[in-house]
Amino acid sequence: MRWKFKPETNPQITSKLAQELGVDTTLAKLLVNRGIETYEEAESFFRPSLTNLHNPYLMKDMELAVERIEKAILEGENILVYGDYDVDGTTSVSLLSS
């Protein structure tokens, strides 16, 4: 397998973004590499809003899952919350379990 390098970011976009955000060009370059090229896009990235989230019902079988969870709650069943062992996994399980 060969490494594939992304093309260099546009230095004008990177410089402008760095100046607008008041950050180093290295951080601005990372943002541009991720498709974030404007102040507004960066603001949305760093200060996300619930309105920017995708509709969870776009996930396959979400309605079935919601119905099953509602049934379990109404019937007093136990619900197992499982997550992986990295930081975001354990944090997610903690939040859902509390």
PDB file of N, CA and C in Angstrom:
ATOM      1  N   MET A   1       0.840  -1.177   0.000  1.00  0.00           N
ATOM      2  CA  MET A   1       0.000   0.000   0.000  1.00  0.00           C
ATOM      3  C   MET A   1       0.887   1.243   0.000  1.00  0.00           C
ATOM      4  N   ARG A   2       0.511   2.216  -0.792  1.00  0.00           N
ATOM      5  CA  ARG A   2       1.289   3.449  -0.880  1.00  0.00           C
ATOM      6  C   ARG A   2       0.566   4.571  -0.152  1.00  0.00           C
ATOM      7  N   TRP A   3       1.362   5.442   0.439  1.00  0.00           N
ATOM      8  CA  TRP A   3       0.804   6.620   1.096  1.00  0.00           C
ATOM      9  C   TRP A   3       0.215   7.554   0.051  1.00  0.00           C
ATOM     10  N   LYS A   4      -0.915   8.149   0.395  1.00  0.00           N
ATOM     11  CA  LYS A   4      -1.519   9.152  -0.479  1.00  0.00           C
ATOM     12  C   LYS A   4      -1.568  10.468   0.293  1.00  0.00           C
ATOM     13  N   PHE A   5      -0.901  11.464  -0.239  1.00  0.00           N
ATOM     14  CA  PHE A   5      -0.858  12.758   0.427  1.00  0.00           C
ATOM     15  C   PHE A   5      -1.884  13.693  -0.182  1.00  0.00           C
ATOM     16  N   LYS A   6      -2.557  14.448   0.690  1.00  0.00           N
ATOM     17  CA  LYS A   6      -3.485  15.458   0.198  1.00  0.00           C
ATOM     18  C   LYS A   6      -2.685  16.591  -0.417  1.00  0.00           C
ATOM     19  N   PRO A   7      -3.269  17.274  -1.387  1.00  0.00           N
ATOM     20  CA  PRO A   7      -2.572  18.434  -1.942  1.00  0.00           C
ATOM     21  C   PRO A   7      -2.436  19.524  -0.876  1.00  0.00           C
ATOM     22  N   GLU A   8      -1.438  20.358  -1.037  1.00  0.00           N
ATOM     23  CA  GLU A   8      -1.220  21.456  -0.092  1.00  0.00           C
ATOM     24  C   GLU A   8      -2.452  22.346  -0.033  1.00  0.00           C
ATOM     25  N   THR A   9      -2.716  22.866   1.151  1.00  0.00           N
ATOM     26  CA  THR A   9      -3.843  23.787   1.293  1.00  0.00           C
ATOM     27  C   THR A   9      -3.505  25.117   0.629  1.00  0.00           C
ATOM     28  N   ASN A  10      -4.544  25.823   0.239  1.00  0.00           N
ATOM     29  CA  ASN A  10      -4.373  27.136  -0.365  1.00  0.00           C
ATOM     30  C   ASN A  10      -3.844  28.090   0.708  1.00  0.00           C
ATOM     31  N   PRO A  11      -2.632  28.639   0.539  1.00  0.00           N
ATOM     32  CA  PRO A  11      -2.043  29.489   1.580  1.00  0.00           C
ATOM     33  C   PRO A  11      -2.847  30.759   1.850  1.00  0.00           C
ATOM     34  N   GLN A  12      -3.559  31.254   0.855  1.00  0.00           N
ATOM     35  CA  GLN A  12      -4.369  32.461   1.067  1.00  0.00           C
ATOM     36  C   GLN A  12      -5.559  32.159   1.980  1.00  0.00           C
ATOM     37  N   ILE A  13      -6.208  31.019   1.750  1.00  0.00           N
ATOM     38  CA  ILE A  13      -7.338  30.624   2.597  1.00  0.00           C
ATOM     39  C   ILE A  13      -6.849  30.358   4.012  1.00  0.00           C
ATOM     40  N   THR A  14      -5.735  29.629   4.123  1.00  0.00           N
ATOM     41  CA  THR A  14      -5.174  29.298   5.431  1.00  0.00           C
ATOM     42  C   THR A  14      -4.801  30.558   6.200  1.00  0.00           C
ATOM     43  N   SER A  15      -4.130  31.472   5.547  1.00  0.00           N
ATOM     44  CA  SER A  15      -3.692  32.713   6.184  1.00  0.00           C
ATOM     45  C   SER A  15      -4.884  33.556   6.631  1.00  0.00           C
ATOM     46  N   LYS A  16      -5.886  33.672   5.768  1.00  0.00           N
ATOM     47  CA  LYS A  16      -7.079  34.463   6.097  1.00  0.00           C
ATOM     48  C   LYS A  16      -7.815  33.856   7.287  1.00  0.00           C
ATOM     49  N   LEU A  17      -7.976  32.530   7.280  1.00  0.00           N
ATOM     50  CA  LEU A  17      -8.665  31.858   8.376  1.00  0.00           C
ATOM     51  C   LEU A  17      -7.896  32.023   9.684  1.00  0.00           C
ATOM     52  N   ALA A  18      -6.574  31.871   9.630  1.00  0.00           N
ATOM     53  CA  ALA A  18      -5.747  32.043  10.829  1.00  0.00           C
ATOM     54  C   ALA A  18      -5.921  33.443  11.402  1.00  0.00           C
ATOM     55  N   GLN A  19      -5.921  34.431  10.540  1.00  0.00           N
ATOM     56  CA  GLN A  19      -6.065  35.817  10.984  1.00  0.00           C
ATOM     57  C   GLN A  19      -7.456  36.057  11.586  1.00  0.00           C
ATOM     58  N   GLU A  20      -8.498  35.581  10.925  1.00  0.00           N
ATOM     59  CA  GLU A  20      -9.863  35.783  11.417  1.00  0.00           C
ATOM     60  C   GLU A  20     -10.101  35.105  12.763  1.00  0.00           C
ATOM     61  N   LEU A  21      -9.495  33.924  12.947  1.00  0.00           N
ATOM     62  CA  LEU A  21      -9.684  33.178  14.191  1.00  0.00           C
ATOM     63  C   LEU A  21      -8.689  33.568  15.270  1.00  0.00           C
ATOM     64  N   GLY A  22      -7.613  34.247  14.870  1.00  0.00           N
ATOM     65  CA  GLY A  22      -6.566  34.594  15.829  1.00  0.00           C
ATOM     66  C   GLY A  22      -5.793  33.377  16.292  1.00  0.00           C
ATOM     67  N   VAL A  23      -5.540  32.451  15.353  1.00  0.00           N
ATOM     68  CA  VAL A  23      -4.810  31.222  15.677  1.00  0.00           C
ATOM     69  C   VAL A  23      -3.593  31.093  14.771  1.00  0.00           C
ATOM     70  N   ASP A  24      -2.721  30.164  15.109  1.00  0.00           N
ATOM     71  CA  ASP A  24      -1.536  29.887  14.311  1.00  0.00           C
ATOM     72  C   ASP A  24      -1.950  29.269  12.970  1.00  0.00           C
ATOM     73  N   THR A  25      -1.122  29.470  11.963  1.00  0.00           N
ATOM     74  CA  THR A  25      -1.435  28.934  10.632  1.00  0.00           C
ATOM     75  C   THR A  25      -1.471  27.402  10.618  1.00  0.00           C
ATOM     76  N   THR A  26      -0.754  26.770  11.543  1.00  0.00           N
ATOM     77  CA  THR A  26      -0.786  25.304  11.607  1.00  0.00           C
ATOM     78  C   THR A  26      -2.198  24.817  11.929  1.00  0.00           C
ATOM     79  N   LEU A  27      -2.841  25.455  12.897  1.00  0.00           N
ATOM     80  CA  LEU A  27      -4.212  25.083  13.239  1.00  0.00           C
ATOM     81  C   LEU A  27      -5.157  25.404  12.087  1.00  0.00           C
ATOM     82  N   ALA A  28      -4.963  26.549  11.468  1.00  0.00           N
ATOM     83  CA  ALA A  28      -5.801  26.920  10.323  1.00  0.00           C
ATOM     84  C   ALA A  28      -5.638  25.911   9.190  1.00  0.00           C
ATOM     85  N   LYS A  29      -4.423  25.433   8.978  1.00  0.00           N
ATOM     86  CA  LYS A  29      -4.174  24.443   7.923  1.00  0.00           C
ATOM     87  C   LYS A  29      -4.904  23.133   8.235  1.00  0.00           C
ATOM     88  N   LEU A  30      -4.897  22.725   9.493  1.00  0.00           N
ATOM     89  CA  LEU A  30      -5.627  21.517   9.892  1.00  0.00           C
ATOM     90  C   LEU A  30      -7.124  21.668   9.620  1.00  0.00           C
ATOM     91  N   LEU A  31      -7.654  22.845   9.932  1.00  0.00           N
ATOM     92  CA  LEU A  31      -9.074  23.088   9.682  1.00  0.00           C
ATOM     93  C   LEU A  31      -9.387  23.044   8.191  1.00  0.00           C
ATOM     94  N   VAL A  32      -8.561  23.710   7.395  1.00  0.00           N
ATOM     95  CA  VAL A  32      -8.775  23.736   5.942  1.00  0.00           C
ATOM     96  C   VAL A  32      -8.689  22.320   5.374  1.00  0.00           C
ATOM     97  N   ASN A  33      -7.764  21.512   5.884  1.00  0.00           N
ATOM     98  CA  ASN A  33      -7.656  20.117   5.437  1.00  0.00           C
ATOM     99  C   ASN A  33      -8.928  19.328   5.725  1.00  0.00           C
ATOM    100  N   ARG A  34      -9.695  19.770   6.709  1.00  0.00           N
ATOM    101  CA  ARG A  34     -10.949  19.105   7.057  1.00  0.00           C
ATOM    102  C   ARG A  34     -12.157  19.776   6.406  1.00  0.00           C
ATOM    103  N   GLY A  35     -11.892  20.686   5.472  1.00  0.00           N
ATOM    104  CA  GLY A  35     -12.974  21.318   4.728  1.00  0.00           C
ATOM    105  C   GLY A  35     -13.565  22.543   5.392  1.00  0.00           C
ATOM    106  N   ILE A  36     -12.931  23.019   6.452  1.00  0.00           N
ATOM    107  CA  ILE A  36     -13.408  24.205   7.169  1.00  0.00           C
ATOM    108  C   ILE A  36     -12.584  25.385   6.682  1.00  0.00           C
ATOM    109  N   GLU A  37     -13.197  26.237   5.866  1.00  0.00           N
ATOM    110  CA  GLU A  37     -12.439  27.304   5.211  1.00  0.00           C
ATOM    111  C   GLU A  37     -12.882  28.713   5.581  1.00  0.00           C
ATOM    112  N   THR A  38     -13.995  28.853   6.302  1.00  0.00           N
ATOM    113  CA  THR A  38     -14.472  30.191   6.650  1.00  0.00           C
ATOM    114  C   THR A  38     -14.624  30.323   8.161  1.00  0.00           C
ATOM    115  N   TYR A  39     -14.708  31.568   8.602  1.00  0.00           N
ATOM    116  CA  TYR A  39     -14.905  31.843  10.023  1.00  0.00           C
ATOM    117  C   TYR A  39     -16.196  31.183  10.508  1.00  0.00           C
ATOM    118  N   GLU A  40     -17.256  31.283   9.717  1.00  0.00           N
ATOM    119  CA  GLU A  40     -18.552  30.725  10.096  1.00  0.00           C
ATOM    120  C   GLU A  40     -18.488  29.203  10.241  1.00  0.00           C
ATOM    121  N   GLU A  41     -17.786  28.549   9.313  1.00  0.00           N
ATOM    122  CA  GLU A  41     -17.636  27.090   9.402  1.00  0.00           C
ATOM    123  C   GLU A  41     -16.819  26.708  10.633  1.00  0.00           C
ATOM    124  N   ALA A  42     -15.789  27.492  10.937  1.00  0.00           N
ATOM    125  CA  ALA A  42     -14.966  27.221  12.118  1.00  0.00           C
ATOM    126  C   ALA A  42     -15.775  27.433  13.390  1.00  0.00           C
ATOM    127  N   GLU A  43     -16.576  28.484  13.417  1.00  0.00           N
ATOM    128  CA  GLU A  43     -17.410  28.753  14.587  1.00  0.00           C
ATOM    129  C   GLU A  43     -18.388  27.602  14.814  1.00  0.00           C
ATOM    130  N   SER A  44     -18.981  27.111  13.744  1.00  0.00           N
ATOM    131  CA  SER A  44     -19.904  25.983  13.841  1.00  0.00           C
ATOM    132  C   SER A  44     -19.179  24.723  14.317  1.00  0.00           C
ATOM    133  N   PHE A  45     -17.923  24.556  13.896  1.00  0.00           N
ATOM    134  CA  PHE A  45     -17.122  23.394  14.293  1.00  0.00           C
ATOM    135  C   PHE A  45     -16.754  23.464  15.776  1.00  0.00           C
ATOM    136  N   PHE A  46     -16.318  24.639  16.245  1.00  0.00           N
ATOM    137  CA  PHE A  46     -15.868  24.786  17.629  1.00  0.00           C
ATOM    138  C   PHE A  46     -17.007  25.008  18.619  1.00  0.00           C
ATOM    139  N   ARG A  47     -18.113  25.552  18.163  1.00  0.00           N
ATOM    140  CA  ARG A  47     -19.273  25.794  19.021  1.00  0.00           C
ATOM    141  C   ARG A  47     -20.517  25.183  18.365  1.00  0.00           C
ATOM    142  N   PRO A  48     -20.584  23.852  18.349  1.00  0.00           N
ATOM    143  CA  PRO A  48     -21.688  23.195  17.643  1.00  0.00           C
ATOM    144  C   PRO A  48     -23.032  23.456  18.319  1.00  0.00           C
ATOM    145  N   SER A  49     -24.070  23.370  17.537  1.00  0.00           N
ATOM    146  CA  SER A  49     -25.432  23.568  18.014  1.00  0.00           C
ATOM    147  C   SER A  49     -26.236  22.308  17.722  1.00  0.00           C
ATOM    148  N   LEU A  50     -27.222  22.042  18.544  1.00  0.00           N
ATOM    149  CA  LEU A  50     -28.061  20.862  18.311  1.00  0.00           C
ATOM    150  C   LEU A  50     -28.773  20.939  16.969  1.00  0.00           C
ATOM    151  N   THR A  51     -29.027  22.156  16.489  1.00  0.00           N
ATOM    152  CA  THR A  51     -29.702  22.300  15.196  1.00  0.00           C
ATOM    153  C   THR A  51     -28.815  21.861  14.035  1.00  0.00           C
ATOM    154  N   ASN A  52     -27.498  21.749  14.271  1.00  0.00           N
ATOM    155  CA  ASN A  52     -26.574  21.331  13.218  1.00  0.00           C
ATOM    156  C   ASN A  52     -26.419  19.811  13.128  1.00  0.00           C
ATOM    157  N   LEU A  53     -27.030  19.086  14.061  1.00  0.00           N
ATOM    158  CA  LEU A  53     -26.900  17.629  14.056  1.00  0.00           C
ATOM    159  C   LEU A  53     -27.783  17.017  12.976  1.00  0.00           C
ATOM    160  N   HIS A  54     -27.352  15.873  12.478  1.00  0.00           N
ATOM    161  CA  HIS A  54     -28.167  15.135  11.514  1.00  0.00           C
ATOM    162  C   HIS A  54     -29.374  14.537  12.230  1.00  0.00           C
ATOM    163  N   ASN A  55     -30.434  14.331  11.510  1.00  0.00           N
ATOM    164  CA  ASN A  55     -31.629  13.707  12.049  1.00  0.00           C
ATOM    165  C   ASN A  55     -31.303  12.253  12.402  1.00  0.00           C
ATOM    166  N   PRO A  56     -31.429  11.849  13.676  1.00  0.00           N
ATOM    167  CA  PRO A  56     -31.077  10.473  14.045  1.00  0.00           C
ATOM    168  C   PRO A  56     -31.970   9.428  13.383  1.00  0.00           C
ATOM    169  N   TYR A  57     -33.145   9.835  12.940  1.00  0.00           N
ATOM    170  CA  TYR A  57     -34.050   8.888  12.289  1.00  0.00           C
ATOM    171  C   TYR A  57     -33.606   8.529  10.876  1.00  0.00           C
ATOM    172  N   LEU A  58     -32.515   9.133  10.414  1.00  0.00           N
ATOM    173  CA  LEU A  58     -31.934   8.723   9.140  1.00  0.00           C
ATOM    174  C   LEU A  58     -31.176   7.403   9.284  1.00  0.00           C
ATOM    175  N   MET A  59     -30.855   7.034  10.539  1.00  0.00           N
ATOM    176  CA  MET A  59     -30.172   5.760  10.780  1.00  0.00           C
ATOM    177  C   MET A  59     -31.153   4.612  10.562  1.00  0.00           C
ATOM    178  N   LYS A  60     -30.643   3.535   9.996  1.00  0.00           N
ATOM    179  CA  LYS A  60     -31.474   2.361   9.703  1.00  0.00           C
ATOM    180  C   LYS A  60     -32.089   1.811  10.994  1.00  0.00           C
ATOM    181  N   ASP A  61     -33.365   1.537  10.949  1.00  0.00           N
ATOM    182  CA  ASP A  61     -34.121   0.910  12.044  1.00  0.00           C
ATOM    183  C   ASP A  61     -34.182   1.738  13.328  1.00  0.00           C
ATOM    184  N   MET A  62     -33.988   3.044  13.246  1.00  0.00           N
ATOM    185  CA  MET A  62     -34.055   3.886  14.438  1.00  0.00           C
ATOM    186  C   MET A  62     -35.446   3.823  15.075  1.00  0.00           C
ATOM    187  N   GLU A  63     -36.490   3.828  14.256  1.00  0.00           N
ATOM    188  CA  GLU A  63     -37.851   3.770  14.807  1.00  0.00           C
ATOM    189  C   GLU A  63     -38.075   2.479  15.594  1.00  0.00           C
ATOM    190  N   LEU A  64     -37.566   1.368  15.074  1.00  0.00           N
ATOM    191  CA  LEU A  64     -37.682   0.092  15.793  1.00  0.00           C
ATOM    192  C   LEU A  64     -36.949   0.150  17.128  1.00  0.00           C
ATOM    193  N   ALA A  65     -35.770   0.748  17.134  1.00  0.00           N
ATOM    194  CA  ALA A  65     -34.983   0.851  18.362  1.00  0.00           C
ATOM    195  C   ALA A  65     -35.706   1.707  19.399  1.00  0.00           C
ATOM    196  N   VAL A  66     -36.259   2.831  18.961  1.00  0.00           N
ATOM    197  CA  VAL A  66     -36.982   3.714  19.880  1.00  0.00           C
ATOM    198  C   VAL A  66     -38.199   2.999  20.461  1.00  0.00           C
ATOM    199  N   GLU A  67     -38.939   2.303  19.614  1.00  0.00           N
ATOM    200  CA  GLU A  67     -40.108   1.559  20.091  1.00  0.00           C
ATOM    201  C   GLU A  67     -39.709   0.514  21.125  1.00  0.00           C
ATOM    202  N   ARG A  68     -38.594  -0.167  20.873  1.00  0.00           N
ATOM    203  CA  ARG A  68     -38.152  -1.216  21.802  1.00  0.00           C
ATOM    204  C   ARG A  68     -37.727  -0.623  23.137  1.00  0.00           C
ATOM    205  N   ILE A  69     -37.032   0.495  23.104  1.00  0.00           N
ATOM    206  CA  ILE A  69     -36.606   1.147  24.350  1.00  0.00           C
ATOM    207  C   ILE A  69     -37.825   1.646  25.124  1.00  0.00           C
ATOM    208  N   GLU A  70     -38.781   2.251  24.428  1.00  0.00           N
ATOM    209  CA  GLU A  70     -40.011   2.710  25.091  1.00  0.00           C
ATOM    210  C   GLU A  70     -40.743   1.548  25.757  1.00  0.00           C
ATOM    211  N   LYS A  71     -40.824   0.422  25.061  1.00  0.00           N
ATOM    212  CA  LYS A  71     -41.489  -0.770  25.612  1.00  0.00           C
ATOM    213  C   LYS A  71     -40.767  -1.250  26.869  1.00  0.00           C
ATOM    214  N   ALA A  72     -39.439  -1.281  26.816  1.00  0.00           N
ATOM    215  CA  ALA A  72     -38.657  -1.728  27.971  1.00  0.00           C
ATOM    216  C   ALA A  72     -38.881  -0.807  29.169  1.00  0.00           C
ATOM    217  N   ILE A  73     -38.941   0.494  28.918  1.00  0.00           N
ATOM    218  CA  ILE A  73     -39.168   1.448  30.010  1.00  0.00           C
ATOM    219  C   ILE A  73     -40.560   1.249  30.605  1.00  0.00           C
ATOM    220  N   LEU A  74     -41.569   1.140  29.748  1.00  0.00           N
ATOM    221  CA  LEU A  74     -42.949   0.974  30.222  1.00  0.00           C
ATOM    222  C   LEU A  74     -43.147  -0.320  31.007  1.00  0.00           C
ATOM    223  N   GLU A  75     -42.424  -1.367  30.629  1.00  0.00           N
ATOM    224  CA  GLU A  75     -42.582  -2.664  31.288  1.00  0.00           C
ATOM    225  C   GLU A  75     -41.561  -2.894  32.397  1.00  0.00           C
ATOM    226  N   GLY A  76     -40.766  -1.865  32.716  1.00  0.00           N
ATOM    227  CA  GLY A  76     -39.809  -1.965  33.818  1.00  0.00           C
ATOM    228  C   GLY A  76     -38.654  -2.916  33.565  1.00  0.00           C
ATOM    229  N   GLU A  77     -38.323  -3.140  32.311  1.00  0.00           N
ATOM    230  CA  GLU A  77     -37.214  -4.038  31.976  1.00  0.00           C
ATOM    231  C   GLU A  77     -35.876  -3.336  32.201  1.00  0.00           C
ATOM    232  N   ASN A  78     -34.846  -4.129  32.424  1.00  0.00           N
ATOM    233  CA  ASN A  78     -33.492  -3.585  32.474  1.00  0.00           C
ATOM    234  C   ASN A  78     -33.012  -3.312  31.055  1.00  0.00           C
ATOM    235  N   ILE A  79     -32.202  -2.274  30.906  1.00  0.00           N
ATOM    236  CA  ILE A  79     -31.624  -1.938  29.605  1.00  0.00           C
ATOM    237  C   ILE A  79     -30.109  -1.937  29.757  1.00  0.00           C
ATOM    238  N   LEU A  80     -29.438  -2.745  28.952  1.00  0.00           N
ATOM    239  CA  LEU A  80     -27.980  -2.797  28.968  1.00  0.00           C
ATOM    240  C   LEU A  80     -27.429  -1.669  28.107  1.00  0.00           C
ATOM    241  N   VAL A  81     -26.537  -0.880  28.688  1.00  0.00           N
ATOM    242  CA  VAL A  81     -25.858   0.177  27.936  1.00  0.00           C
ATOM    243  C   VAL A  81     -24.420  -0.278  27.765  1.00  0.00           C
ATOM    244  N   TYR A  82     -23.989  -0.438  26.526  1.00  0.00           N
ATOM    245  CA  TYR A  82     -22.657  -0.967  26.240  1.00  0.00           C
ATOM    246  C   TYR A  82     -21.877   0.036  25.409  1.00  0.00           C
ATOM    247  N   GLY A  83     -20.598   0.177  25.735  1.00  0.00           N
ATOM    248  CA  GLY A  83     -19.725   1.047  24.952  1.00  0.00           C
ATOM    249  C   GLY A  83     -18.330   0.468  24.905  1.00  0.00           C
ATOM    250  N   ASP A  84     -17.513   0.970  24.012  1.00  0.00           N
ATOM    251  CA  ASP A  84     -16.143   0.473  23.934  1.00  0.00           C
ATOM    252  C   ASP A  84     -15.302   1.109  25.043  1.00  0.00           C
ATOM    253  N   TYR A  85     -14.029   0.741  25.087  1.00  0.00           N
ATOM    254  CA  TYR A  85     -13.201   1.078  26.236  1.00  0.00           C
ATOM    255  C   TYR A  85     -12.336   2.317  26.060  1.00  0.00           C
ATOM    256  N   ASP A  86     -12.543   3.063  24.995  1.00  0.00           N
ATOM    257  CA  ASP A  86     -11.764   4.292  24.862  1.00  0.00           C
ATOM    258  C   ASP A  86     -12.497   5.428  25.576  1.00  0.00           C
ATOM    259  N   VAL A  87     -11.914   6.602  25.556  1.00  0.00           N
ATOM    260  CA  VAL A  87     -12.446   7.717  26.339  1.00  0.00           C
ATOM    261  C   VAL A  87     -13.861   8.090  25.920  1.00  0.00           C
ATOM    262  N   ASP A  88     -14.113   8.205  24.625  1.00  0.00           N
ATOM    263  CA  ASP A  88     -15.463   8.607  24.217  1.00  0.00           C
ATOM    264  C   ASP A  88     -16.479   7.500  24.491  1.00  0.00           C
ATOM    265  N   GLY A  89     -16.044   6.251  24.436  1.00  0.00           N
ATOM    266  CA  GLY A  89     -16.956   5.149  24.734  1.00  0.00           C
ATOM    267  C   GLY A  89     -17.362   5.121  26.198  1.00  0.00           C
ATOM    268  N   THR A  90     -16.392   5.240  27.100  1.00  0.00           N
ATOM    269  CA  THR A  90     -16.714   5.218  28.530  1.00  0.00           C
ATOM    270  C   THR A  90     -17.480   6.468  28.947  1.00  0.00           C
ATOM    271  N   THR A  91     -17.164   7.598  28.337  1.00  0.00           N
ATOM    272  CA  THR A  91     -17.895   8.831  28.640  1.00  0.00           C
ATOM    273  C   THR A  91     -19.346   8.706  28.200  1.00  0.00           C
ATOM    274  N   SER A  92     -19.571   8.158  27.009  1.00  0.00           N
ATOM    275  CA  SER A  92     -20.934   7.988  26.501  1.00  0.00           C
ATOM    276  C   SER A  92     -21.747   7.070  27.399  1.00  0.00           C
ATOM    277  N   VAL A  93     -21.149   5.968  27.817  1.00  0.00           N
ATOM    278  CA  VAL A  93     -21.855   5.033  28.691  1.00  0.00           C
ATOM    279  C   VAL A  93     -22.184   5.705  30.019  1.00  0.00           C
ATOM    280  N   SER A  94     -21.256   6.483  30.552  1.00  0.00           N
ATOM    281  CA  SER A  94     -21.501   7.187  31.813  1.00  0.00           C
ATOM    282  C   SER A  94     -22.665   8.153  31.687  1.00  0.00           C
ATOM    283  N   LEU A  95     -22.698   8.893  30.592  1.00  0.00           N
ATOM    284  CA  LEU A  95     -23.783   9.856  30.389  1.00  0.00           C
ATOM    285  C   LEU A  95     -25.129   9.168  30.237  1.00  0.00           C
ATOM    286  N   LEU A  96     -25.167   8.092  29.458  1.00  0.00           N
ATOM    287  CA  LEU A  96     -26.427   7.392  29.238  1.00  0.00           C
ATOM    288  C   LEU A  96     -26.912   6.661  30.482  1.00  0.00           C
ATOM    289  N   SER A  97     -25.992   6.259  31.344  1.00  0.00           N
ATOM    290  CA  SER A  97     -26.354   5.489  32.529  1.00  0.00           C
ATOM    291  C   SER A  97     -26.783   6.365  33.695  1.00  0.00           C
ATOM    292  N   SER A  98     -26.439   7.638  33.645  1.00  0.00           N
ATOM    293  CA  SER A  98     -26.753   8.499  34.801  1.00  0.00           C
ATOM    294  C   SER A  98     -28.126   9.114  34.704  1.00  0.00           C
TER     295      SER A  98
END
